[in-house]
Amino acid sequence: MAHSIGGTDGGYGAYLYHNPALSANCFEISHFTAYKTRGSCVTTFVNTADHRAHDITCIDAELGMALNTAAAERDDVEITLWDSHFYGSSRSMDCPPGGDCHCVKKTGFINF
């Protein structure tokens, strides 16, 4: 779980890379939640033909979720997302006194 991630580091909830020594054919992430991230709630860069994500919850993430297939050009890529929830565009009810809780436009899902 990641909460209130911001600043100059990109503000990602999770930034995941694939370990090709484990499997070159499939990559799967699951059961992760991120609240109020300046970047995406989850970003992946995986050179695999089968990329899966499930049971992910993103709340007030400025850039949503980004499931990417790394730098390799492929014609055989399948990205599957299921049982996941994205919430945004709500007032921040737990802003600390004097905190920067300005509202920004939010995106549910991005891909490169």
N, C-alpha and C. Protein backbone atom coordinates (compact mmCIF):
# COMPACT_ATOMS: atom_id res chain seq x y z
N MET A 1 0.84 -1.16 0.00
CA MET A 1 0.00 0.00 0.00
C MET A 1 0.89 1.24 0.00
N ALA A 2 0.48 2.23 -0.77
CA ALA A 2 1.19 3.51 -0.81
C ALA A 2 0.17 4.61 -0.54
N HIS A 3 0.57 5.62 0.23
CA HIS A 3 -0.35 6.72 0.57
C HIS A 3 0.38 8.05 0.56
N SER A 4 -0.23 9.04 -0.09
CA SER A 4 0.27 10.42 -0.12
C SER A 4 1.72 10.50 -0.62
N ILE A 5 1.93 10.03 -1.82
CA ILE A 5 3.26 10.06 -2.43
C ILE A 5 3.31 11.24 -3.39
N GLY A 6 4.27 12.13 -3.20
CA GLY A 6 4.38 13.31 -4.06
C GLY A 6 5.82 13.76 -4.11
N GLY A 7 6.01 15.00 -4.45
CA GLY A 7 7.36 15.57 -4.46
C GLY A 7 8.03 15.43 -5.80
N THR A 8 9.34 15.60 -5.79
CA THR A 8 10.12 15.62 -7.03
C THR A 8 10.53 14.24 -7.52
N ASP A 9 10.24 13.19 -6.78
CA ASP A 9 10.64 11.83 -7.17
C ASP A 9 9.66 11.19 -8.14
N GLY A 10 8.66 11.91 -8.59
CA GLY A 10 7.68 11.35 -9.53
C GLY A 10 6.37 11.01 -8.87
N GLY A 11 6.39 10.70 -7.60
CA GLY A 11 5.17 10.43 -6.87
C GLY A 11 4.48 9.13 -7.21
N TYR A 12 5.22 8.11 -7.59
CA TYR A 12 4.64 6.82 -7.95
C TYR A 12 4.30 6.01 -6.70
N GLY A 13 3.17 5.28 -6.76
CA GLY A 13 2.85 4.37 -5.67
C GLY A 13 3.75 3.14 -5.72
N ALA A 14 3.90 2.56 -6.90
CA ALA A 14 4.81 1.42 -7.11
C ALA A 14 5.36 1.52 -8.53
N TYR A 15 6.65 1.28 -8.67
CA TYR A 15 7.32 1.33 -9.97
C TYR A 15 8.00 -0.03 -10.12
N LEU A 16 7.43 -0.91 -10.94
CA LEU A 16 7.85 -2.31 -10.97
C LEU A 16 8.55 -2.69 -12.27
N TYR A 17 9.64 -3.42 -12.12
CA TYR A 17 10.38 -3.96 -13.26
C TYR A 17 10.35 -5.47 -13.18
N HIS A 18 10.53 -6.10 -14.30
CA HIS A 18 10.51 -7.55 -14.41
C HIS A 18 11.91 -8.13 -14.22
N ASN A 19 11.99 -9.25 -13.52
CA ASN A 19 13.24 -9.99 -13.40
C ASN A 19 13.20 -11.12 -14.42
N PRO A 20 13.88 -10.98 -15.56
CA PRO A 20 13.79 -12.00 -16.61
C PRO A 20 14.31 -13.37 -16.18
N ALA A 21 15.07 -13.44 -15.10
CA ALA A 21 15.55 -14.74 -14.62
C ALA A 21 14.39 -15.58 -14.07
N LEU A 22 13.31 -14.92 -13.65
CA LEU A 22 12.17 -15.65 -13.11
C LEU A 22 11.28 -16.21 -14.22
N SER A 23 10.94 -15.40 -15.20
CA SER A 23 10.11 -15.85 -16.33
C SER A 23 10.15 -14.80 -17.42
N ALA A 24 10.32 -15.23 -18.64
CA ALA A 24 10.29 -14.32 -19.77
C ALA A 24 8.92 -14.33 -20.45
N ASN A 25 8.03 -15.22 -20.02
CA ASN A 25 6.76 -15.40 -20.71
C ASN A 25 5.58 -14.70 -20.05
N CYS A 26 5.64 -14.47 -18.74
CA CYS A 26 4.48 -13.93 -18.04
C CYS A 26 4.92 -13.06 -16.87
N PHE A 27 4.15 -11.99 -16.62
CA PHE A 27 4.40 -11.12 -15.48
C PHE A 27 3.04 -10.76 -14.89
N GLU A 28 2.90 -10.86 -13.56
CA GLU A 28 1.61 -10.59 -12.93
C GLU A 28 1.81 -9.81 -11.64
N ILE A 29 0.97 -8.79 -11.45
CA ILE A 29 0.95 -8.04 -10.19
C ILE A 29 -0.47 -8.12 -9.65
N SER A 30 -0.59 -8.04 -8.31
CA SER A 30 -1.92 -8.12 -7.71
C SER A 30 -1.92 -7.57 -6.29
N HIS A 31 -3.12 -7.28 -5.81
CA HIS A 31 -3.38 -6.90 -4.43
C HIS A 31 -2.53 -5.71 -3.97
N PHE A 32 -2.69 -4.61 -4.67
CA PHE A 32 -1.96 -3.38 -4.33
C PHE A 32 -2.95 -2.22 -4.32
N THR A 33 -2.78 -1.31 -3.36
CA THR A 33 -3.62 -0.13 -3.25
C THR A 33 -2.74 1.10 -3.09
N ALA A 34 -3.12 2.18 -3.78
CA ALA A 34 -2.39 3.45 -3.65
C ALA A 34 -3.40 4.59 -3.54
N TYR A 35 -3.12 5.51 -2.61
CA TYR A 35 -3.96 6.68 -2.38
C TYR A 35 -3.16 7.94 -2.63
N LYS A 36 -3.74 8.91 -3.31
CA LYS A 36 -3.18 10.24 -3.46
C LYS A 36 -1.73 10.24 -3.94
N THR A 37 -1.51 9.74 -5.12
CA THR A 37 -0.16 9.75 -5.70
C THR A 37 -0.08 10.83 -6.76
N ARG A 38 1.04 11.54 -6.81
CA ARG A 38 1.24 12.58 -7.83
C ARG A 38 1.49 11.94 -9.20
N GLY A 39 2.17 10.83 -9.23
CA GLY A 39 2.38 10.09 -10.47
C GLY A 39 1.31 9.02 -10.59
N SER A 40 1.66 7.93 -11.21
CA SER A 40 0.70 6.83 -11.32
C SER A 40 0.68 6.01 -10.03
N CYS A 41 -0.43 5.33 -9.80
CA CYS A 41 -0.51 4.49 -8.60
C CYS A 41 0.38 3.26 -8.79
N VAL A 42 0.43 2.73 -10.01
CA VAL A 42 1.31 1.61 -10.35
C VAL A 42 1.85 1.84 -11.77
N THR A 43 3.15 1.68 -11.95
CA THR A 43 3.77 1.73 -13.26
C THR A 43 4.63 0.48 -13.43
N THR A 44 4.49 -0.20 -14.57
CA THR A 44 5.32 -1.37 -14.85
C THR A 44 6.01 -1.21 -16.20
N PHE A 45 7.18 -1.79 -16.32
CA PHE A 45 7.91 -1.90 -17.58
C PHE A 45 8.38 -3.34 -17.69
N VAL A 46 7.71 -4.12 -18.53
CA VAL A 46 7.94 -5.56 -18.59
C VAL A 46 8.01 -6.02 -20.03
N ASN A 47 9.11 -6.65 -20.41
CA ASN A 47 9.25 -7.21 -21.75
C ASN A 47 8.72 -8.64 -21.72
N THR A 48 7.41 -8.78 -21.86
CA THR A 48 6.77 -10.08 -21.84
C THR A 48 5.55 -10.06 -22.74
N ALA A 49 5.15 -11.20 -23.24
CA ALA A 49 3.98 -11.28 -24.11
C ALA A 49 2.68 -11.34 -23.31
N ASP A 50 2.73 -11.74 -22.05
CA ASP A 50 1.54 -11.90 -21.22
C ASP A 50 1.73 -11.09 -19.94
N HIS A 51 1.05 -9.98 -19.86
CA HIS A 51 1.20 -9.03 -18.75
C HIS A 51 -0.15 -8.91 -18.05
N ARG A 52 -0.20 -9.25 -16.76
CA ARG A 52 -1.48 -9.32 -16.04
C ARG A 52 -1.45 -8.47 -14.77
N ALA A 53 -2.61 -7.89 -14.43
CA ALA A 53 -2.77 -7.16 -13.18
C ALA A 53 -4.19 -7.36 -12.68
N HIS A 54 -4.32 -7.61 -11.38
CA HIS A 54 -5.66 -7.76 -10.81
C HIS A 54 -5.67 -7.36 -9.35
N ASP A 55 -6.87 -7.04 -8.88
CA ASP A 55 -7.09 -6.61 -7.49
C ASP A 55 -6.21 -5.41 -7.14
N ILE A 56 -6.24 -4.42 -8.01
CA ILE A 56 -5.51 -3.16 -7.82
C ILE A 56 -6.55 -2.08 -7.53
N THR A 57 -6.28 -1.23 -6.56
CA THR A 57 -7.15 -0.09 -6.26
C THR A 57 -6.32 1.18 -6.30
N CYS A 58 -6.78 2.15 -7.11
CA CYS A 58 -6.12 3.45 -7.24
C CYS A 58 -7.11 4.53 -6.85
N ILE A 59 -6.77 5.33 -5.84
CA ILE A 59 -7.65 6.38 -5.36
C ILE A 59 -6.93 7.71 -5.46
N ASP A 60 -7.52 8.65 -6.16
CA ASP A 60 -6.96 10.00 -6.35
C ASP A 60 -5.53 9.96 -6.87
N ALA A 61 -5.27 9.13 -7.86
CA ALA A 61 -3.96 9.08 -8.51
C ALA A 61 -3.98 10.04 -9.69
N GLU A 62 -3.03 10.95 -9.74
CA GLU A 62 -3.02 11.94 -10.81
C GLU A 62 -2.86 11.30 -12.18
N LEU A 63 -2.01 10.28 -12.30
CA LEU A 63 -1.78 9.64 -13.60
C LEU A 63 -2.35 8.24 -13.71
N GLY A 64 -3.16 7.81 -12.77
CA GLY A 64 -3.80 6.50 -12.86
C GLY A 64 -2.82 5.35 -12.81
N MET A 65 -3.03 4.36 -13.65
CA MET A 65 -2.20 3.15 -13.69
C MET A 65 -1.57 3.03 -15.08
N ALA A 66 -0.32 2.57 -15.14
CA ALA A 66 0.38 2.43 -16.41
C ALA A 66 1.02 1.06 -16.50
N LEU A 67 0.45 0.20 -17.31
CA LEU A 67 1.01 -1.14 -17.56
C LEU A 67 1.70 -1.09 -18.91
N ASN A 68 3.02 -1.17 -18.91
CA ASN A 68 3.81 -1.00 -20.14
C ASN A 68 4.60 -2.26 -20.45
N THR A 69 4.91 -2.45 -21.73
CA THR A 69 5.62 -3.66 -22.16
C THR A 69 7.08 -3.40 -22.48
N ALA A 70 7.69 -2.49 -21.78
CA ALA A 70 9.11 -2.17 -21.90
C ALA A 70 9.44 -1.58 -23.27
N ALA A 71 10.72 -1.57 -23.60
CA ALA A 71 11.16 -0.90 -24.83
C ALA A 71 11.09 -1.78 -26.06
N ALA A 72 10.92 -3.07 -25.88
CA ALA A 72 10.94 -3.99 -27.02
C ALA A 72 9.66 -3.86 -27.85
N GLU A 73 9.79 -3.82 -29.17
CA GLU A 73 8.63 -3.85 -30.04
C GLU A 73 8.18 -5.29 -30.19
N ARG A 74 6.88 -5.50 -29.96
CA ARG A 74 6.33 -6.84 -30.04
C ARG A 74 4.98 -6.79 -30.71
N ASP A 75 4.64 -7.84 -31.42
CA ASP A 75 3.31 -7.95 -32.02
C ASP A 75 2.41 -8.89 -31.22
N ASP A 76 2.97 -9.56 -30.24
CA ASP A 76 2.25 -10.62 -29.55
C ASP A 76 1.96 -10.29 -28.08
N VAL A 77 1.76 -9.03 -27.74
CA VAL A 77 1.57 -8.63 -26.35
C VAL A 77 0.10 -8.64 -25.97
N GLU A 78 -0.20 -9.20 -24.80
CA GLU A 78 -1.55 -9.14 -24.25
C GLU A 78 -1.44 -8.59 -22.84
N ILE A 79 -2.12 -7.47 -22.60
CA ILE A 79 -2.18 -6.87 -21.27
C ILE A 79 -3.60 -7.06 -20.75
N THR A 80 -3.73 -7.70 -19.59
CA THR A 80 -5.04 -8.00 -19.03
C THR A 80 -5.14 -7.39 -17.63
N LEU A 81 -6.24 -6.68 -17.38
CA LEU A 81 -6.51 -6.07 -16.08
C LEU A 81 -7.91 -6.48 -15.65
N TRP A 82 -8.05 -7.00 -14.42
CA TRP A 82 -9.37 -7.39 -13.95
C TRP A 82 -9.50 -7.18 -12.44
N ASP A 83 -10.76 -7.15 -11.99
CA ASP A 83 -11.10 -6.99 -10.58
C ASP A 83 -10.34 -5.84 -9.93
N SER A 84 -10.30 -4.70 -10.59
CA SER A 84 -9.57 -3.54 -10.10
C SER A 84 -10.49 -2.33 -10.10
N HIS A 85 -10.16 -1.33 -9.25
CA HIS A 85 -11.03 -0.18 -9.08
C HIS A 85 -10.21 1.11 -9.12
N PHE A 86 -10.79 2.13 -9.75
CA PHE A 86 -10.15 3.43 -9.89
C PHE A 86 -11.13 4.51 -9.43
N TYR A 87 -10.69 5.35 -8.49
CA TYR A 87 -11.54 6.41 -7.95
C TYR A 87 -10.78 7.73 -8.02
N GLY A 88 -11.51 8.81 -8.27
CA GLY A 88 -10.86 10.12 -8.32
C GLY A 88 -11.87 11.24 -8.32
N SER A 89 -11.35 12.45 -8.51
CA SER A 89 -12.16 13.66 -8.57
C SER A 89 -13.04 13.85 -7.35
N SER A 90 -12.47 13.64 -6.19
CA SER A 90 -13.21 13.88 -4.95
C SER A 90 -12.43 14.87 -4.09
N ARG A 91 -13.12 15.50 -3.15
CA ARG A 91 -12.45 16.41 -2.24
C ARG A 91 -11.54 15.62 -1.30
N SER A 92 -10.42 16.18 -0.98
CA SER A 92 -9.48 15.55 -0.07
C SER A 92 -9.92 15.86 1.36
N MET A 93 -10.45 14.88 2.04
CA MET A 93 -10.98 15.10 3.39
C MET A 93 -9.92 14.93 4.48
N ASP A 94 -8.73 14.48 4.14
CA ASP A 94 -7.71 14.30 5.17
C ASP A 94 -6.45 15.10 4.87
N CYS A 95 -6.64 16.30 4.33
CA CYS A 95 -5.51 17.17 4.04
C CYS A 95 -4.94 17.71 5.36
N PRO A 96 -3.62 17.62 5.57
CA PRO A 96 -3.04 18.14 6.81
C PRO A 96 -3.16 19.66 6.84
N PRO A 97 -3.22 20.27 8.04
CA PRO A 97 -3.30 21.72 8.14
C PRO A 97 -2.15 22.38 7.40
N GLY A 98 -2.46 23.33 6.52
CA GLY A 98 -1.43 24.01 5.75
C GLY A 98 -0.88 23.19 4.60
N GLY A 99 -1.44 22.01 4.36
CA GLY A 99 -0.95 21.13 3.29
C GLY A 99 -1.40 21.59 1.93
N ASP A 100 -0.73 21.11 0.91
CA ASP A 100 -1.04 21.45 -0.46
C ASP A 100 -2.01 20.42 -1.01
N CYS A 101 -3.29 20.68 -0.89
CA CYS A 101 -4.32 19.72 -1.32
C CYS A 101 -5.11 20.25 -2.50
N HIS A 102 -4.42 20.89 -3.43
CA HIS A 102 -5.10 21.41 -4.61
C HIS A 102 -5.62 20.26 -5.47
N CYS A 103 -6.66 20.54 -6.18
CA CYS A 103 -7.24 19.51 -7.05
C CYS A 103 -6.60 19.58 -8.43
N VAL A 104 -6.23 18.46 -8.96
CA VAL A 104 -5.67 18.38 -10.31
C VAL A 104 -6.54 17.42 -11.12
N LYS A 105 -6.47 17.52 -12.45
CA LYS A 105 -7.18 16.57 -13.28
C LYS A 105 -6.53 15.21 -13.11
N LYS A 106 -7.35 14.18 -13.08
CA LYS A 106 -6.85 12.83 -12.84
C LYS A 106 -7.18 11.93 -14.02
N THR A 107 -6.32 10.94 -14.23
CA THR A 107 -6.46 9.97 -15.30
C THR A 107 -6.57 8.59 -14.67
N GLY A 108 -7.48 7.76 -15.17
CA GLY A 108 -7.63 6.42 -14.61
C GLY A 108 -6.58 5.44 -15.08
N PHE A 109 -6.24 5.50 -16.39
CA PHE A 109 -5.32 4.51 -16.96
C PHE A 109 -4.55 5.17 -18.09
N ILE A 110 -3.22 5.00 -18.10
CA ILE A 110 -2.38 5.51 -19.18
C ILE A 110 -1.50 4.39 -19.69
N ASN A 111 -1.07 4.51 -20.92
CA ASN A 111 -0.19 3.50 -21.51
C ASN A 111 0.74 4.18 -22.51
N PHE A 112 1.96 3.70 -22.64
CA PHE A 112 2.92 4.28 -23.55
C PHE A 112 3.21 3.33 -24.69
